[in-house]
Amino acid sequence: MSKKLALCIPTYNRSKEVEKLLQDLSAFTGDDFVIYIFDSSESDDTRLVVDRYAGAQVFYEFVTGAEYSNQKVFRIYERMTESEADYVWLMNDHSVFNDAALDFIRRALAEDGDFYLLDVRCPAFAVTDFKDLDDFLLRAAWQLTYYGAGIVKRESFLEGVDWDYLAGKYLTAETMEYSQLGFYFERASQMPRVKLKQIGLLRDSMLDRRRYEKPAWQKDKFRICTQCWHEVIMRLPEAYKAREKALGTMDSWYLSRFSLMEMKEDGGYGLFSLLRYGRFLRRIAPEMAANALWIALLPLWLCRRLLTGKLLGKIKAARKAGRRVYVYGAGRHGVDCTNYLESCGIVHDGFLVTELEGNPRRIREYPVYAAGEKLGPGCLVILAFLSNGQSPVEVWLDELRANGMDIECIGAE
């Protein structure tokens, strides 16, 4: 018998996004899959949109007294303890998935796990187990900062939760934005023999419609990625022995020199920010401390020259020599790299990806190409993707150069 899955969507003043979401997902609804829209909008627009889908296992609830989205997350989970769902999946209002992903998730839930982490960067559909709590923390912490990355079993994970205790510990000014991490990891540590699993999904099976946009919290990004991240991780129970190590699992791009310069340009980083939150940066990414100081103190134009002069010089030299310049990576990092280059007055010839399937054909005015079909002599490739160690892409490019192809590569970080 299939498990009943409830997809819960918190939203605020985004009726158009909710309408697109329901257009894409309402066809999946049925006895074993229902959608709840938890709205706190200032108008009736979202409610009117949801009303058009009434009767298709789509439900609307208005949430009052939740100033922050993370407060709403706690409210949603508490509310869902009263539901008939076997599993609860909380997701943002701008991500969609295809029927292949939903079908595999349904089959994975049959394994009766207490918590499932969704990893959308996998080469194949798969279900794996976390070895222990520290393995769960190190592999899941950063991914769980994204709404939609976790599915919880209602009966075991939600019932009996001390919400007042969790709210007092994690719904604070220092930890609010990542407070859902506190809930997930606290609750997992309280459960004897907790069954923690990962569902691996193909990248093209889920799509974030806002993946190329700057976050709404861009001007507060430095505080969130330093103080908030640090405080949530370090407040976790002592059952997690790898908390210090977990601090370093943040995606390195978020506190990179490019990101700090972009934050400075947007008015979200400077000397005051560094003085207030620098101690957290030094624990999370100590290798960035010197760059962070220079970026805080110096004019932006001088930061660019000093900290990215090699990269910019390579690009200018390639252009002068008539070479094509590509950014390898069509995800968030590739777009951030492009934004930075444009702020320096530089455009490139397009994005490269390993496979076109699951990727857009254009990002803004830039075409997206399959690397194997586009790469050739006379190219400069800027690597702009998350990589722990040498990635398969870097190995492949090294092989091409070793075989005599005239290709230059440089890392964006």
Protein backbone atom coordinates (compact mmCIF):
# COMPACT_ATOMS: atom_id res chain seq x y z
CA MET A 1 0.00 0.00 0.00
CA SER A 2 1.42 3.39 -1.00
CA LYS A 3 2.17 6.04 1.61
CA LYS A 4 0.09 9.20 1.69
CA LEU A 5 2.36 12.19 0.98
CA ALA A 6 1.37 15.77 1.81
CA LEU A 7 3.25 18.52 -0.04
CA CYS A 8 3.17 21.70 2.07
CA ILE A 9 3.93 25.06 0.44
CA PRO A 10 4.47 28.20 2.55
CA THR A 11 3.92 31.36 0.52
CA TYR A 12 3.57 35.12 0.90
CA ASN A 13 2.29 37.57 -1.75
CA ARG A 14 3.26 35.27 -4.63
CA SER A 15 -0.02 34.26 -6.22
CA LYS A 16 1.50 33.99 -9.72
CA GLU A 17 4.13 31.51 -8.53
CA VAL A 18 1.46 29.50 -6.71
CA GLU A 19 -0.65 29.39 -9.86
CA LYS A 20 2.27 28.10 -11.94
CA LEU A 21 3.01 25.52 -9.27
CA LEU A 22 -0.57 24.23 -9.17
CA GLN A 23 -0.77 24.14 -12.95
CA ASP A 24 2.25 21.84 -12.99
CA LEU A 25 1.48 19.67 -9.96
CA SER A 26 -2.28 19.38 -9.58
CA ALA A 27 -2.34 16.56 -12.14
CA PHE A 28 -0.32 14.47 -9.66
CA THR A 29 -2.86 14.80 -6.84
CA GLY A 30 -4.96 11.89 -5.66
CA ASP A 31 -5.63 9.71 -2.66
CA ASP A 32 -1.92 9.30 -1.92
CA PHE A 33 -0.69 12.82 -2.83
CA VAL A 34 -2.20 16.09 -1.61
CA ILE A 35 -1.07 19.71 -1.70
CA TYR A 36 -1.47 22.25 1.10
CA ILE A 37 -0.92 25.95 0.44
CA PHE A 38 -0.08 27.79 3.67
CA ASP A 39 -0.57 31.46 2.89
CA SER A 40 0.09 34.65 4.84
CA SER A 41 -0.42 37.12 2.00
CA GLU A 42 -1.74 40.65 2.40
CA SER A 43 -4.46 40.12 -0.21
CA ASP A 44 -6.88 37.36 -1.28
CA ASP A 45 -5.09 36.74 -4.59
CA THR A 46 -3.46 33.47 -3.52
CA ARG A 47 -6.65 32.14 -1.93
CA LEU A 48 -8.58 32.88 -5.13
CA VAL A 49 -5.98 31.00 -7.17
CA VAL A 50 -6.16 27.96 -4.91
CA ASP A 51 -9.96 28.05 -4.96
CA ARG A 52 -9.84 27.32 -8.70
CA TYR A 53 -8.21 23.97 -7.92
CA ALA A 54 -10.61 23.01 -5.11
CA GLY A 55 -11.74 19.41 -5.15
CA ALA A 56 -8.45 18.15 -6.60
CA GLN A 57 -6.81 17.35 -3.27
CA VAL A 58 -5.48 20.89 -3.06
CA PHE A 59 -6.12 22.68 0.23
CA TYR A 60 -5.70 26.27 1.40
CA GLU A 61 -4.92 27.46 4.93
CA PHE A 62 -4.26 31.00 6.06
CA VAL A 63 -1.46 31.44 8.60
CA THR A 64 -1.58 34.33 11.04
CA GLY A 65 1.05 35.71 13.38
CA ALA A 66 4.07 34.36 11.49
CA GLU A 67 6.31 37.28 10.62
CA TYR A 68 9.10 35.10 9.22
CA SER A 69 8.84 32.15 6.85
CA ASN A 70 10.72 29.94 9.31
CA GLN A 71 8.11 30.61 11.96
CA LYS A 72 5.59 29.40 9.42
CA VAL A 73 7.63 26.22 8.91
CA PHE A 74 7.27 25.32 12.58
CA ARG A 75 3.54 26.10 12.41
CA ILE A 76 3.09 23.92 9.35
CA TYR A 77 4.80 20.91 10.87
CA GLU A 78 2.80 21.32 14.07
CA ARG A 79 -0.42 21.61 12.07
CA MET A 80 0.39 18.50 10.02
CA THR A 81 0.48 16.31 13.14
CA GLU A 82 -3.32 16.49 12.87
CA SER A 83 -3.39 15.35 9.25
CA GLU A 84 -3.86 11.89 7.80
CA ALA A 85 -0.62 12.06 5.83
CA ASP A 86 2.01 9.39 6.34
CA TYR A 87 4.77 11.75 5.15
CA VAL A 88 5.10 15.52 4.99
CA TRP A 89 7.20 17.27 2.37
CA LEU A 90 7.72 21.00 2.89
CA MET A 91 8.80 22.86 -0.23
CA ASN A 92 9.07 26.42 -1.56
CA ASP A 93 6.56 27.89 -4.01
CA HIS A 94 8.87 28.09 -6.99
CA SER A 95 10.16 24.52 -7.42
CA VAL A 96 8.50 21.76 -9.41
CA PHE A 97 9.26 18.11 -10.09
CA ASN A 98 8.30 15.63 -12.78
CA ASP A 99 6.34 12.40 -12.53
CA ALA A 100 9.52 10.30 -12.59
CA ALA A 101 10.78 12.01 -9.43
CA LEU A 102 7.44 11.69 -7.66
CA ASP A 103 7.13 8.05 -8.65
CA PHE A 104 10.57 7.25 -7.24
CA ILE A 105 9.89 9.23 -4.06
CA ARG A 106 6.69 7.23 -3.56
CA ARG A 107 8.61 3.97 -3.90
CA ALA A 108 11.34 5.19 -1.55
CA LEU A 109 8.79 6.03 1.15
CA ALA A 110 7.76 2.39 1.17
CA GLU A 111 11.05 1.72 3.00
CA ASP A 112 9.45 3.42 6.01
CA GLY A 113 12.25 5.84 6.87
CA ASP A 114 11.75 8.51 9.51
CA PHE A 115 13.53 11.22 7.53
CA TYR A 116 14.50 11.46 3.86
CA LEU A 117 17.02 13.92 2.44
CA LEU A 118 16.45 14.72 -1.23
CA ASP A 119 19.63 15.11 -3.27
CA VAL A 120 18.92 16.37 -6.79
CA ARG A 121 22.52 16.14 -8.03
CA CYS A 122 22.72 12.39 -8.52
CA PRO A 123 23.51 10.44 -11.71
CA ALA A 124 20.75 7.91 -11.00
CA PHE A 125 17.71 7.38 -8.80
CA ALA A 126 18.80 5.67 -5.58
CA VAL A 127 18.00 5.30 -1.88
CA THR A 128 20.86 5.09 0.61
CA ASP A 129 21.13 5.09 4.40
CA PHE A 130 23.05 7.51 6.60
CA LYS A 131 25.48 5.63 8.82
CA ASP A 132 24.90 7.65 11.98
CA LEU A 133 23.96 11.10 13.25
CA ASP A 134 27.29 12.69 12.33
CA ASP A 135 27.14 11.28 8.82
CA PHE A 136 23.64 12.78 8.57
CA LEU A 137 24.87 16.15 9.83
CA LEU A 138 27.88 16.39 7.55
CA ARG A 139 26.09 15.32 4.39
CA ALA A 140 22.73 16.95 4.97
CA ALA A 141 23.23 20.21 6.87
CA TRP A 142 23.84 22.58 3.98
CA GLN A 143 21.35 20.88 1.67
CA LEU A 144 18.64 21.27 4.31
CA THR A 145 18.98 25.05 4.22
CA TYR A 146 16.85 24.74 1.06
CA TYR A 147 13.11 24.30 1.43
CA GLY A 148 12.16 21.07 -0.28
CA ALA A 149 15.20 19.02 0.71
CA GLY A 150 13.53 17.02 3.50
CA ILE A 151 10.58 14.66 3.85
CA VAL A 152 9.53 13.61 7.36
CA LYS A 153 7.40 10.75 8.64
CA ARG A 154 4.44 12.30 10.43
CA GLU A 155 3.86 9.59 13.02
CA SER A 156 7.45 9.28 14.24
CA PHE A 157 9.10 12.60 13.39
CA LEU A 158 6.33 15.10 14.13
CA GLU A 159 4.22 13.66 16.92
CA GLY A 160 5.37 14.41 20.45
CA VAL A 161 7.65 17.31 19.46
CA ASP A 162 8.18 19.99 22.11
CA TRP A 163 7.56 22.96 19.83
CA ASP A 164 7.91 25.57 22.58
CA TYR A 165 11.38 24.25 23.43
CA LEU A 166 12.48 24.25 19.79
CA ALA A 167 11.05 27.71 19.15
CA GLY A 168 12.88 29.09 22.18
CA LYS A 169 16.15 27.58 21.01
CA TYR A 170 16.03 28.20 17.26
CA LEU A 171 13.41 30.84 16.43
CA THR A 172 15.70 33.57 17.70
CA ALA A 173 17.22 36.61 16.02
CA GLU A 174 20.56 34.80 15.69
CA THR A 175 19.20 31.57 14.20
CA MET A 176 15.83 32.31 12.59
CA GLU A 177 16.72 31.87 8.92
CA TYR A 178 18.12 28.33 9.36
CA SER A 179 15.91 27.29 12.27
CA GLN A 180 14.52 24.33 10.31
CA LEU A 181 17.96 22.74 10.64
CA GLY A 182 17.64 22.92 14.40
CA PHE A 183 14.31 21.12 14.22
CA TYR A 184 15.50 18.35 11.87
CA PHE A 185 18.70 17.55 13.74
CA GLU A 186 17.28 17.97 17.25
CA ARG A 187 14.38 15.68 16.47
CA ALA A 188 16.58 13.04 14.82
CA SER A 189 18.84 12.95 17.88
CA GLN A 190 15.84 12.39 20.18
CA MET A 191 14.63 9.29 18.35
CA PRO A 192 16.17 5.90 19.25
CA ARG A 193 17.07 3.86 16.17
CA VAL A 194 16.02 6.70 13.89
CA LYS A 195 15.96 5.66 10.21
CA LEU A 196 17.67 8.39 8.17
CA LYS A 197 17.77 7.96 4.40
CA GLN A 198 18.76 9.85 1.28
CA ILE A 199 16.75 9.83 -1.93
CA GLY A 200 18.98 10.50 -4.91
CA LEU A 201 17.17 12.20 -7.80
CA LEU A 202 18.32 13.11 -11.29
CA ARG A 203 19.08 16.78 -11.72
CA ASP A 204 16.48 17.27 -14.45
CA SER A 205 13.73 15.72 -12.31
CA MET A 206 13.35 18.92 -10.26
CA LEU A 207 13.43 22.56 -11.35
CA ASP A 208 13.75 25.74 -9.30
CA ARG A 209 12.22 28.56 -11.33
CA ARG A 210 14.14 31.16 -9.32
CA ARG A 211 17.50 29.42 -9.42
CA TYR A 212 19.12 32.25 -11.38
CA GLU A 213 17.79 35.13 -9.30
CA LYS A 214 19.47 36.79 -6.38
CA PRO A 215 17.84 35.78 -3.08
CA ALA A 216 15.45 38.22 -1.46
CA TRP A 217 17.80 38.19 1.53
CA GLN A 218 20.83 39.28 -0.51
CA LYS A 219 21.58 42.33 1.66
CA ASP A 220 21.47 40.16 4.80
CA LYS A 221 23.40 37.31 3.22
CA PHE A 222 26.65 37.84 5.09
CA ARG A 223 24.99 37.69 8.51
CA ILE A 224 22.89 34.67 7.56
CA CYS A 225 25.86 32.75 6.14
CA THR A 226 28.07 33.53 9.13
CA GLN A 227 26.23 34.12 12.40
CA CYS A 228 23.03 32.25 11.61
CA TRP A 229 24.76 29.19 10.13
CA HIS A 230 27.31 29.06 12.94
CA GLU A 231 24.80 29.52 15.75
CA VAL A 232 22.35 26.88 14.51
CA ILE A 233 25.07 24.26 14.03
CA MET A 234 26.73 24.93 17.37
CA ARG A 235 23.42 24.86 19.26
CA LEU A 236 22.74 21.30 18.14
CA PRO A 237 22.80 18.58 20.82
CA GLU A 238 26.06 17.00 21.93
CA ALA A 239 24.98 13.80 20.22
CA TYR A 240 26.50 15.46 17.14
CA LYS A 241 30.25 15.19 17.63
CA ALA A 242 31.08 16.67 14.22
CA ARG A 243 29.56 20.12 14.72
CA GLU A 244 32.86 21.95 14.24
CA LYS A 245 33.51 20.02 11.06
CA ALA A 246 29.96 20.65 9.87
CA LEU A 247 30.60 24.41 9.87
CA GLY A 248 32.87 23.88 6.88
CA THR A 249 30.24 22.05 4.81
CA MET A 250 28.68 25.30 3.62
CA ASP A 251 28.89 25.73 -0.13
CA SER A 252 32.19 27.61 -0.46
CA TRP A 253 30.79 29.98 -3.08
CA TYR A 254 28.59 31.73 -0.51
CA LEU A 255 31.58 33.27 1.27
CA SER A 256 33.95 33.39 -1.69
CA ARG A 257 35.72 36.55 -2.80
CA PHE A 258 33.23 36.85 -5.68
CA SER A 259 30.27 36.60 -3.36
CA LEU A 260 31.72 39.09 -0.87
CA MET A 261 32.40 41.61 -3.63
CA GLU A 262 28.88 41.13 -4.99
CA MET A 263 27.48 41.67 -1.48
CA LYS A 264 29.57 44.81 -1.13
CA GLU A 265 28.29 46.12 -4.46
CA ASP A 266 24.70 45.43 -3.31
CA GLY A 267 25.24 47.23 -0.01
CA GLY A 268 25.23 44.11 2.13
CA TYR A 269 28.89 43.92 3.14
CA GLY A 270 31.49 46.29 4.52
CA LEU A 271 33.69 47.01 7.49
CA PHE A 272 30.77 47.13 9.93
CA SER A 273 29.59 43.68 8.77
CA LEU A 274 33.08 42.25 9.16
CA LEU A 275 33.56 43.72 12.63
CA ARG A 276 30.20 42.35 13.76
CA TYR A 277 30.26 38.88 12.17
CA GLY A 278 33.90 38.28 11.26
CA ARG A 279 34.47 35.93 14.19
CA PHE A 280 31.93 33.53 12.68
CA LEU A 281 33.55 33.77 9.24
CA ARG A 282 36.92 32.84 10.76
CA ARG A 283 35.45 29.61 12.15
CA ILE A 284 33.47 28.70 9.03
CA ALA A 285 35.96 29.66 6.30
CA PRO A 286 39.26 30.74 7.91
CA GLU A 287 40.96 30.76 4.52
CA MET A 288 38.71 33.69 3.54
CA ALA A 289 39.63 35.92 6.48
CA ALA A 290 42.35 37.91 4.69
CA ASN A 291 40.29 38.44 1.54
CA ALA A 292 37.27 39.43 3.63
CA LEU A 293 39.35 42.14 5.33
CA TRP A 294 40.64 43.57 2.05
CA ILE A 295 37.17 43.59 0.51
CA ALA A 296 35.75 45.36 3.55
CA LEU A 297 38.48 48.03 3.57
CA LEU A 298 39.32 48.74 -0.07
CA PRO A 299 37.31 50.33 -2.88
CA LEU A 300 35.53 47.77 -5.01
CA TRP A 301 37.53 48.52 -8.15
CA LEU A 302 40.78 47.88 -6.30
CA CYS A 303 39.43 44.64 -4.76
CA ARG A 304 38.64 43.37 -8.21
CA ARG A 305 42.10 44.20 -9.49
CA LEU A 306 43.91 42.65 -6.51
CA LEU A 307 41.76 39.57 -5.87
CA THR A 308 40.63 38.56 -9.34
CA GLY A 309 43.30 40.17 -11.48
CA LYS A 310 44.61 36.81 -12.70
CA LEU A 311 41.17 35.67 -13.84
CA LEU A 312 40.28 38.98 -15.49
CA GLY A 313 43.73 39.18 -17.11
CA LYS A 314 43.34 35.67 -18.55
CA ILE A 315 39.97 36.56 -20.03
CA LYS A 316 41.23 39.81 -21.55
CA ALA A 317 44.27 38.05 -23.01
CA ALA A 318 42.06 35.33 -24.46
CA ARG A 319 39.79 37.92 -26.04
CA LYS A 320 42.78 39.77 -27.50
CA ALA A 321 44.01 36.49 -28.99
CA GLY A 322 40.60 35.78 -30.51
CA ARG A 323 39.78 32.90 -28.18
CA ARG A 324 36.26 31.97 -27.16
CA VAL A 325 35.47 32.23 -23.46
CA TYR A 326 32.96 29.92 -21.77
CA VAL A 327 31.71 29.46 -18.23
CA TYR A 328 31.48 25.78 -17.33
CA GLY A 329 28.42 25.32 -15.13
CA ALA A 330 24.85 26.49 -15.69
CA GLY A 331 23.80 26.45 -12.06
CA ARG A 332 23.78 29.11 -9.38
CA HIS A 333 27.59 29.40 -9.34
CA GLY A 334 27.85 29.82 -13.08
CA VAL A 335 25.30 32.62 -13.00
CA ASP A 336 27.01 34.29 -10.03
CA CYS A 337 30.30 34.13 -11.90
CA THR A 338 28.61 35.69 -14.95
CA ASN A 339 27.13 38.45 -12.79
CA TYR A 340 30.56 39.21 -11.43
CA LEU A 341 32.18 39.28 -14.87
CA GLU A 342 29.45 41.60 -16.17
CA SER A 343 30.05 43.94 -13.23
CA CYS A 344 33.65 44.11 -14.49
CA GLY A 345 32.48 44.89 -18.02
CA ILE A 346 33.12 41.38 -19.38
CA VAL A 347 30.74 39.11 -21.29
CA HIS A 348 31.46 35.52 -22.30
CA ASP A 349 30.36 33.32 -25.19
CA GLY A 350 28.01 31.04 -23.29
CA PHE A 351 27.63 28.36 -20.66
CA LEU A 352 28.98 24.82 -20.98
CA VAL A 353 27.35 21.79 -19.38
CA THR A 354 28.23 18.12 -19.49
CA GLU A 355 24.80 17.20 -20.87
CA LEU A 356 22.06 19.44 -22.20
CA GLU A 357 19.28 17.29 -20.75
CA GLY A 358 17.92 18.92 -17.63
CA ASN A 359 19.48 22.31 -18.47
CA PRO A 360 17.93 25.39 -20.10
CA ARG A 361 18.93 26.25 -23.66
CA ARG A 362 19.57 29.86 -22.71
CA ILE A 363 20.29 31.76 -19.49
CA ARG A 364 19.41 35.39 -20.05
CA GLU A 365 21.15 36.31 -23.32
CA TYR A 366 23.74 33.52 -23.06
CA PRO A 367 23.35 30.21 -24.94
CA VAL A 368 23.95 26.92 -23.12
CA TYR A 369 26.04 24.30 -24.95
CA ALA A 370 26.96 20.67 -24.42
CA ALA A 371 30.68 20.85 -23.69
CA GLY A 372 31.61 17.82 -25.80
CA GLU A 373 30.06 19.40 -28.88
CA LYS A 374 31.38 22.94 -28.40
CA LEU A 375 34.86 22.67 -26.94
CA GLY A 376 37.72 22.95 -29.34
CA PRO A 377 41.11 24.55 -29.86
CA GLY A 378 41.32 28.16 -28.79
CA CYS A 379 38.93 28.08 -25.83
CA LEU A 380 39.26 29.51 -22.34
CA VAL A 381 37.06 27.66 -19.86
CA ILE A 382 36.12 29.23 -16.53
CA LEU A 383 35.14 26.51 -14.07
CA ALA A 384 32.17 27.70 -12.01
CA PHE A 385 30.67 24.79 -10.13
CA LEU A 386 30.94 23.27 -6.69
CA SER A 387 33.75 20.73 -6.52
CA ASN A 388 35.32 18.89 -3.63
CA GLY A 389 38.69 17.86 -5.00
CA GLN A 390 39.21 17.31 -8.70
CA SER A 391 35.87 16.82 -10.45
CA PRO A 392 35.23 14.50 -13.45
CA VAL A 393 34.97 17.66 -15.58
CA GLU A 394 38.47 18.77 -14.58
CA VAL A 395 39.85 15.28 -15.21
CA TRP A 396 38.29 15.26 -18.68
CA LEU A 397 39.66 18.72 -19.52
CA ASP A 398 43.12 17.66 -18.34
CA GLU A 399 42.92 14.66 -20.66
CA LEU A 400 41.97 16.87 -23.61
CA ARG A 401 44.96 19.12 -22.96
CA ALA A 402 47.26 16.11 -22.49
CA ASN A 403 46.14 14.89 -25.91
CA GLY A 404 47.20 18.16 -27.48
CA MET A 405 43.99 20.22 -27.55
CA ASP A 406 44.70 23.93 -27.10
CA ILE A 407 42.34 24.66 -24.18
CA GLU A 408 42.96 26.92 -21.21
CA CYS A 409 41.13 26.43 -17.90
CA ILE A 410 40.90 28.58 -14.82
CA GLY A 411 38.85 28.15 -11.68
CA ALA A 412 36.34 30.87 -10.86
CA GLU A 413 37.01 30.57 -7.13
